Amino acid sequence: MALLELDEAELEPLPLDGMDVPRIRVGGPPPYWAVRLGGQEYRYERSFPVKGHGASLPDFLREHMAAGRKPLLVERLDRFYVYLG
């Protein structure tokens, strides 16, 4: 399985419905099933459109954060790829 190593220097918060969710913007490579950031491994869960995600993305993130999982958004083109650690 391909694992994408991400640089913490590229991390920026995404203000989203009262939360600051960690986000990294990437360019060319296709989505990966797993990424690593600062020694923490995250697994791909699902994606949402950047425009038009409405309340579905914040609700999805809150549900998983309440279960103790850490979200990481990878923004690529017109989609947010949600990874959970």
N, C-alpha and C. Protein backbone atom coordinates (compact mmCIF):
# COMPACT_ATOMS: atom_id res chain seq x y z
N MET A 1 0.85 -1.18 0.00
CA MET A 1 0.00 0.00 0.00
C MET A 1 0.90 1.24 0.00
N ALA A 2 0.59 2.20 -0.86
CA ALA A 2 1.36 3.43 -0.93
C ALA A 2 1.05 4.32 0.28
N LEU A 3 2.11 4.87 0.83
CA LEU A 3 1.97 5.76 1.99
C LEU A 3 2.61 7.09 1.62
N LEU A 4 1.86 8.15 1.72
CA LEU A 4 2.34 9.48 1.39
C LEU A 4 2.84 10.15 2.66
N GLU A 5 4.11 10.58 2.65
CA GLU A 5 4.69 11.33 3.78
C GLU A 5 4.39 12.81 3.57
N LEU A 6 3.79 13.45 4.56
CA LEU A 6 3.45 14.86 4.48
C LEU A 6 4.33 15.66 5.42
N ASP A 7 4.60 16.90 5.05
CA ASP A 7 5.46 17.79 5.82
C ASP A 7 4.61 18.66 6.74
N GLU A 8 4.91 18.62 8.04
CA GLU A 8 4.15 19.41 9.01
C GLU A 8 4.22 20.91 8.73
N ALA A 9 5.26 21.36 8.05
CA ALA A 9 5.39 22.79 7.73
C ALA A 9 4.28 23.25 6.79
N GLU A 10 3.66 22.33 6.07
CA GLU A 10 2.59 22.67 5.13
C GLU A 10 1.21 22.63 5.76
N LEU A 11 1.15 22.26 7.02
CA LEU A 11 -0.12 22.14 7.74
C LEU A 11 -0.71 23.51 8.01
N GLU A 12 -2.00 23.65 7.76
CA GLU A 12 -2.70 24.90 8.08
C GLU A 12 -4.10 24.55 8.56
N PRO A 13 -4.63 25.33 9.50
CA PRO A 13 -5.98 25.03 10.00
C PRO A 13 -7.04 25.47 9.00
N LEU A 14 -8.10 24.71 8.93
CA LEU A 14 -9.27 25.07 8.12
C LEU A 14 -10.40 25.38 9.10
N PRO A 15 -10.81 26.66 9.21
CA PRO A 15 -11.94 26.98 10.08
C PRO A 15 -13.21 26.38 9.47
N LEU A 16 -13.89 25.55 10.25
CA LEU A 16 -15.04 24.82 9.72
C LEU A 16 -16.09 24.67 10.81
N ASP A 17 -17.12 25.47 10.75
CA ASP A 17 -18.26 25.35 11.66
C ASP A 17 -17.82 25.33 13.13
N GLY A 18 -16.98 26.28 13.52
CA GLY A 18 -16.53 26.39 14.91
C GLY A 18 -15.34 25.52 15.27
N MET A 19 -14.81 24.77 14.32
CA MET A 19 -13.63 23.91 14.56
C MET A 19 -12.48 24.41 13.69
N ASP A 20 -11.26 24.15 14.12
CA ASP A 20 -10.09 24.34 13.29
C ASP A 20 -9.55 22.96 12.97
N VAL A 21 -9.78 22.51 11.75
CA VAL A 21 -9.41 21.16 11.32
C VAL A 21 -8.07 21.24 10.59
N PRO A 22 -7.10 20.38 10.93
CA PRO A 22 -5.82 20.40 10.23
C PRO A 22 -5.99 20.02 8.76
N ARG A 23 -5.32 20.83 7.89
CA ARG A 23 -5.45 20.63 6.45
C ARG A 23 -4.09 20.82 5.78
N ILE A 24 -3.88 20.03 4.76
CA ILE A 24 -2.72 20.18 3.88
C ILE A 24 -3.24 20.20 2.46
N ARG A 25 -2.76 21.15 1.68
CA ARG A 25 -3.12 21.22 0.27
C ARG A 25 -2.03 20.53 -0.55
N VAL A 26 -2.44 19.64 -1.43
CA VAL A 26 -1.49 18.94 -2.29
C VAL A 26 -1.87 19.16 -3.75
N GLY A 27 -0.90 18.95 -4.62
CA GLY A 27 -1.14 19.17 -6.03
C GLY A 27 -1.39 17.89 -6.79
N GLY A 28 -0.37 17.40 -7.43
CA GLY A 28 -0.50 16.38 -8.44
C GLY A 28 -0.82 14.95 -8.08
N PRO A 29 -0.27 14.38 -6.99
CA PRO A 29 -0.44 12.93 -6.85
C PRO A 29 -1.89 12.54 -6.58
N PRO A 30 -2.28 11.37 -7.02
CA PRO A 30 -3.64 10.90 -6.74
C PRO A 30 -3.79 10.63 -5.24
N PRO A 31 -5.01 10.51 -4.77
CA PRO A 31 -5.21 10.24 -3.35
C PRO A 31 -4.55 8.92 -2.94
N TYR A 32 -4.06 8.89 -1.73
CA TYR A 32 -3.44 7.69 -1.17
C TYR A 32 -4.36 7.09 -0.13
N TRP A 33 -4.21 5.81 0.14
CA TRP A 33 -5.02 5.15 1.16
C TRP A 33 -4.53 5.47 2.57
N ALA A 34 -3.26 5.87 2.68
CA ALA A 34 -2.72 6.22 4.00
C ALA A 34 -1.70 7.35 3.83
N VAL A 35 -1.62 8.21 4.83
CA VAL A 35 -0.63 9.28 4.86
C VAL A 35 0.01 9.30 6.24
N ARG A 36 1.20 9.86 6.31
CA ARG A 36 1.88 10.01 7.59
C ARG A 36 2.26 11.48 7.74
N LEU A 37 1.99 12.00 8.93
CA LEU A 37 2.30 13.38 9.26
C LEU A 37 2.87 13.41 10.67
N GLY A 38 4.12 13.82 10.81
CA GLY A 38 4.74 13.93 12.13
C GLY A 38 4.73 12.64 12.92
N GLY A 39 4.94 11.50 12.26
CA GLY A 39 4.97 10.22 12.95
C GLY A 39 3.61 9.58 13.16
N GLN A 40 2.54 10.31 12.89
CA GLN A 40 1.17 9.79 13.04
C GLN A 40 0.68 9.30 11.68
N GLU A 41 0.16 8.09 11.64
CA GLU A 41 -0.39 7.56 10.40
C GLU A 41 -1.90 7.76 10.39
N TYR A 42 -2.40 8.16 9.23
CA TYR A 42 -3.82 8.40 9.02
C TYR A 42 -4.29 7.53 7.87
N ARG A 43 -5.50 7.00 7.97
CA ARG A 43 -6.09 6.16 6.92
C ARG A 43 -7.22 6.92 6.23
N TYR A 44 -7.30 6.77 4.92
CA TYR A 44 -8.36 7.40 4.14
C TYR A 44 -9.72 6.87 4.57
N GLU A 45 -10.67 7.80 4.72
CA GLU A 45 -12.03 7.42 5.11
C GLU A 45 -13.03 7.73 3.99
N ARG A 46 -13.04 8.97 3.52
CA ARG A 46 -13.94 9.36 2.42
C ARG A 46 -13.61 10.76 1.96
N SER A 47 -14.28 11.23 0.91
CA SER A 47 -14.01 12.57 0.42
C SER A 47 -15.31 13.38 0.34
N PHE A 48 -15.13 14.70 0.31
CA PHE A 48 -16.23 15.64 0.21
C PHE A 48 -15.83 16.72 -0.79
N PRO A 49 -16.79 17.30 -1.50
CA PRO A 49 -16.45 18.42 -2.38
C PRO A 49 -16.04 19.64 -1.55
N VAL A 50 -15.09 20.41 -2.06
CA VAL A 50 -14.67 21.63 -1.37
C VAL A 50 -15.85 22.60 -1.30
N LYS A 51 -16.54 22.76 -2.42
CA LYS A 51 -17.73 23.63 -2.44
C LYS A 51 -18.96 22.74 -2.39
N GLY A 52 -19.86 23.05 -1.49
CA GLY A 52 -21.12 22.32 -1.43
C GLY A 52 -21.15 21.19 -0.43
N HIS A 53 -20.17 21.12 0.49
CA HIS A 53 -20.19 20.05 1.49
C HIS A 53 -21.21 20.31 2.58
N GLY A 54 -21.65 21.57 2.70
CA GLY A 54 -22.69 21.92 3.66
C GLY A 54 -22.37 21.47 5.07
N ALA A 55 -23.37 20.93 5.74
CA ALA A 55 -23.19 20.46 7.11
C ALA A 55 -22.66 19.04 7.16
N SER A 56 -22.61 18.35 6.04
CA SER A 56 -22.22 16.93 6.06
C SER A 56 -20.78 16.73 6.50
N LEU A 57 -19.85 17.57 6.04
CA LEU A 57 -18.45 17.42 6.45
C LEU A 57 -18.25 17.71 7.93
N PRO A 58 -18.72 18.85 8.46
CA PRO A 58 -18.55 19.09 9.91
C PRO A 58 -19.21 18.01 10.77
N ASP A 59 -20.39 17.54 10.37
CA ASP A 59 -21.07 16.49 11.14
C ASP A 59 -20.26 15.20 11.12
N PHE A 60 -19.72 14.85 9.97
CA PHE A 60 -18.90 13.65 9.84
C PHE A 60 -17.67 13.74 10.73
N LEU A 61 -17.00 14.91 10.71
CA LEU A 61 -15.80 15.10 11.52
C LEU A 61 -16.13 15.05 13.01
N ARG A 62 -17.19 15.71 13.43
CA ARG A 62 -17.57 15.70 14.85
C ARG A 62 -17.85 14.28 15.34
N GLU A 63 -18.54 13.51 14.53
CA GLU A 63 -18.87 12.13 14.90
C GLU A 63 -17.59 11.32 15.15
N HIS A 64 -16.61 11.45 14.27
CA HIS A 64 -15.38 10.68 14.43
C HIS A 64 -14.49 11.24 15.54
N MET A 65 -14.48 12.55 15.72
CA MET A 65 -13.71 13.14 16.81
C MET A 65 -14.29 12.72 18.16
N ALA A 66 -15.61 12.62 18.25
CA ALA A 66 -16.25 12.17 19.49
C ALA A 66 -15.88 10.72 19.81
N ALA A 67 -15.54 9.95 18.76
CA ALA A 67 -15.12 8.56 18.95
C ALA A 67 -13.62 8.45 19.20
N GLY A 68 -12.94 9.61 19.33
CA GLY A 68 -11.52 9.61 19.66
C GLY A 68 -10.57 9.56 18.48
N ARG A 69 -11.08 9.74 17.28
CA ARG A 69 -10.22 9.71 16.10
C ARG A 69 -9.80 11.12 15.72
N LYS A 70 -8.58 11.25 15.18
CA LYS A 70 -8.02 12.55 14.80
C LYS A 70 -8.17 12.73 13.29
N PRO A 71 -8.84 13.82 12.84
CA PRO A 71 -8.99 14.04 11.41
C PRO A 71 -7.82 14.82 10.81
N LEU A 72 -7.58 14.56 9.55
CA LEU A 72 -6.64 15.33 8.74
C LEU A 72 -7.29 15.47 7.38
N LEU A 73 -7.42 16.71 6.90
CA LEU A 73 -7.98 16.94 5.57
C LEU A 73 -6.84 17.16 4.59
N VAL A 74 -6.89 16.45 3.48
CA VAL A 74 -5.96 16.68 2.38
C VAL A 74 -6.79 17.27 1.26
N GLU A 75 -6.50 18.52 0.92
CA GLU A 75 -7.26 19.22 -0.11
C GLU A 75 -6.53 19.05 -1.43
N ARG A 76 -7.25 18.52 -2.40
CA ARG A 76 -6.67 18.30 -3.72
C ARG A 76 -7.72 18.67 -4.75
N LEU A 77 -7.35 19.60 -5.63
CA LEU A 77 -8.26 20.09 -6.66
C LEU A 77 -9.56 20.56 -6.03
N ASP A 78 -10.66 19.89 -6.27
CA ASP A 78 -11.95 20.37 -5.77
C ASP A 78 -12.55 19.48 -4.70
N ARG A 79 -11.69 18.68 -4.01
CA ARG A 79 -12.19 17.76 -2.99
C ARG A 79 -11.35 17.81 -1.73
N PHE A 80 -12.01 17.57 -0.58
CA PHE A 80 -11.33 17.32 0.68
C PHE A 80 -11.29 15.81 0.87
N TYR A 81 -10.11 15.24 1.04
CA TYR A 81 -9.95 13.83 1.34
C TYR A 81 -9.76 13.73 2.85
N VAL A 82 -10.66 13.02 3.53
CA VAL A 82 -10.63 12.92 4.98
C VAL A 82 -9.85 11.67 5.37
N TYR A 83 -8.81 11.89 6.18
CA TYR A 83 -8.01 10.81 6.75
C TYR A 83 -8.19 10.84 8.25
N LEU A 84 -8.27 9.68 8.86
CA LEU A 84 -8.45 9.59 10.30
C LEU A 84 -7.32 8.81 10.95
N GLY A 85 -6.84 9.33 12.08
CA GLY A 85 -5.77 8.69 12.80
C GLY A 85 -6.24 8.20 14.14
